[in-house]
Amino acid sequence: MAEAIASPAVTSTPAIAVPVSLPVRAVLPWAAFAGILMLVALYFVGAEQGALSVFAGSDVHEWVHDGRHLLGFPCH
């Protein structure tokens, strides 16, 4: 019993978190793809009507109507 009392206490050191590095070559294609999707979405919400319209009629305008107001695009 005397030996158990005399032994030094075991202290644990906290684990250090190492950040994960992401190479730019792995992220760049996905970032470009996401950017193109955002530009297409912005086109349909903001400019799909009138002289620049790709689709005839006002169907796309009606589908994204609330999004236009949310983003501040005037439509009527």
Protein backbone atom coordinates (compact mmCIF):
# COMPACT_ATOMS: atom_id res chain seq x y z
CA MET A 1 0.00 0.00 0.00
CA ALA A 2 2.87 2.34 0.66
CA GLU A 3 4.06 1.84 -2.91
CA ALA A 4 0.70 2.84 -4.36
CA ILE A 5 0.71 6.09 -2.40
CA ALA A 6 4.29 6.93 -3.35
CA SER A 7 3.83 6.39 -7.11
CA PRO A 8 3.51 9.59 -9.15
CA ALA A 9 0.08 10.54 -10.41
CA VAL A 10 -0.52 9.96 -14.09
CA THR A 11 -1.45 13.15 -15.90
CA SER A 12 -2.95 13.14 -19.34
CA THR A 13 -2.06 15.77 -21.88
CA PRO A 14 -4.91 17.22 -23.92
CA ALA A 15 -5.03 16.20 -27.56
CA ILE A 16 -4.10 18.93 -29.99
CA ALA A 17 -6.43 19.25 -32.98
CA VAL A 18 -4.59 19.35 -36.27
CA PRO A 19 -6.45 21.22 -39.05
CA VAL A 20 -7.06 19.32 -42.25
CA SER A 21 -5.55 20.91 -45.31
CA LEU A 22 -7.54 20.82 -48.52
CA PRO A 23 -5.57 21.15 -51.73
CA VAL A 24 -6.81 23.87 -54.08
CA ARG A 25 -6.78 21.44 -57.01
CA ALA A 26 -9.38 19.29 -55.23
CA VAL A 27 -11.66 22.20 -54.32
CA LEU A 28 -11.41 24.33 -57.47
CA PRO A 29 -13.61 22.21 -59.79
CA TRP A 30 -16.38 22.02 -57.17
CA ALA A 31 -16.15 25.76 -56.50
CA ALA A 32 -16.39 26.50 -60.24
CA PHE A 33 -19.39 24.15 -60.58
CA ALA A 34 -21.15 25.80 -57.63
CA GLY A 35 -20.40 29.25 -59.06
CA ILE A 36 -21.91 28.33 -62.44
CA LEU A 37 -25.02 26.93 -60.74
CA MET A 38 -25.39 30.15 -58.74
CA LEU A 39 -25.08 32.27 -61.89
CA VAL A 40 -27.73 30.19 -63.66
CA ALA A 41 -30.04 30.50 -60.66
CA LEU A 42 -29.41 34.26 -60.51
CA TYR A 43 -30.23 34.55 -64.23
CA PHE A 44 -33.54 32.73 -63.85
CA VAL A 45 -34.50 34.73 -60.76
CA GLY A 46 -33.30 38.10 -61.98
CA ALA A 47 -33.41 38.33 -65.75
CA GLU A 48 -35.69 35.67 -67.21
CA GLN A 49 -38.29 37.94 -68.71
CA GLY A 50 -38.68 40.37 -71.56
CA ALA A 51 -36.13 40.63 -74.37
CA LEU A 52 -33.56 38.39 -72.65
CA SER A 53 -35.90 35.49 -71.95
CA VAL A 54 -34.82 32.02 -73.00
CA PHE A 55 -38.27 30.50 -72.55
CA ALA A 56 -41.41 31.96 -74.09
CA GLY A 57 -44.22 33.02 -71.80
CA SER A 58 -44.14 33.93 -68.15
CA ASP A 59 -43.94 30.48 -66.56
CA VAL A 60 -40.38 30.86 -65.24
CA HIS A 61 -41.21 34.35 -63.97
CA GLU A 62 -44.12 32.97 -61.99
CA TRP A 63 -42.08 30.07 -60.57
CA VAL A 64 -39.36 32.38 -59.20
CA HIS A 65 -41.62 35.35 -58.43
CA ASP A 66 -41.21 35.26 -54.64
CA GLY A 67 -37.46 34.81 -54.98
CA ARG A 68 -37.31 37.95 -57.10
CA HIS A 69 -38.93 39.99 -54.35
CA LEU A 70 -36.75 38.37 -51.68
CA LEU A 71 -33.57 39.33 -53.57
CA GLY A 72 -34.82 42.82 -54.41
CA PHE A 73 -35.42 42.46 -58.16
CA PRO A 74 -38.28 44.60 -59.45
CA CYS A 75 -40.79 42.71 -61.52
CA HIS A 76 -44.01 44.74 -61.61
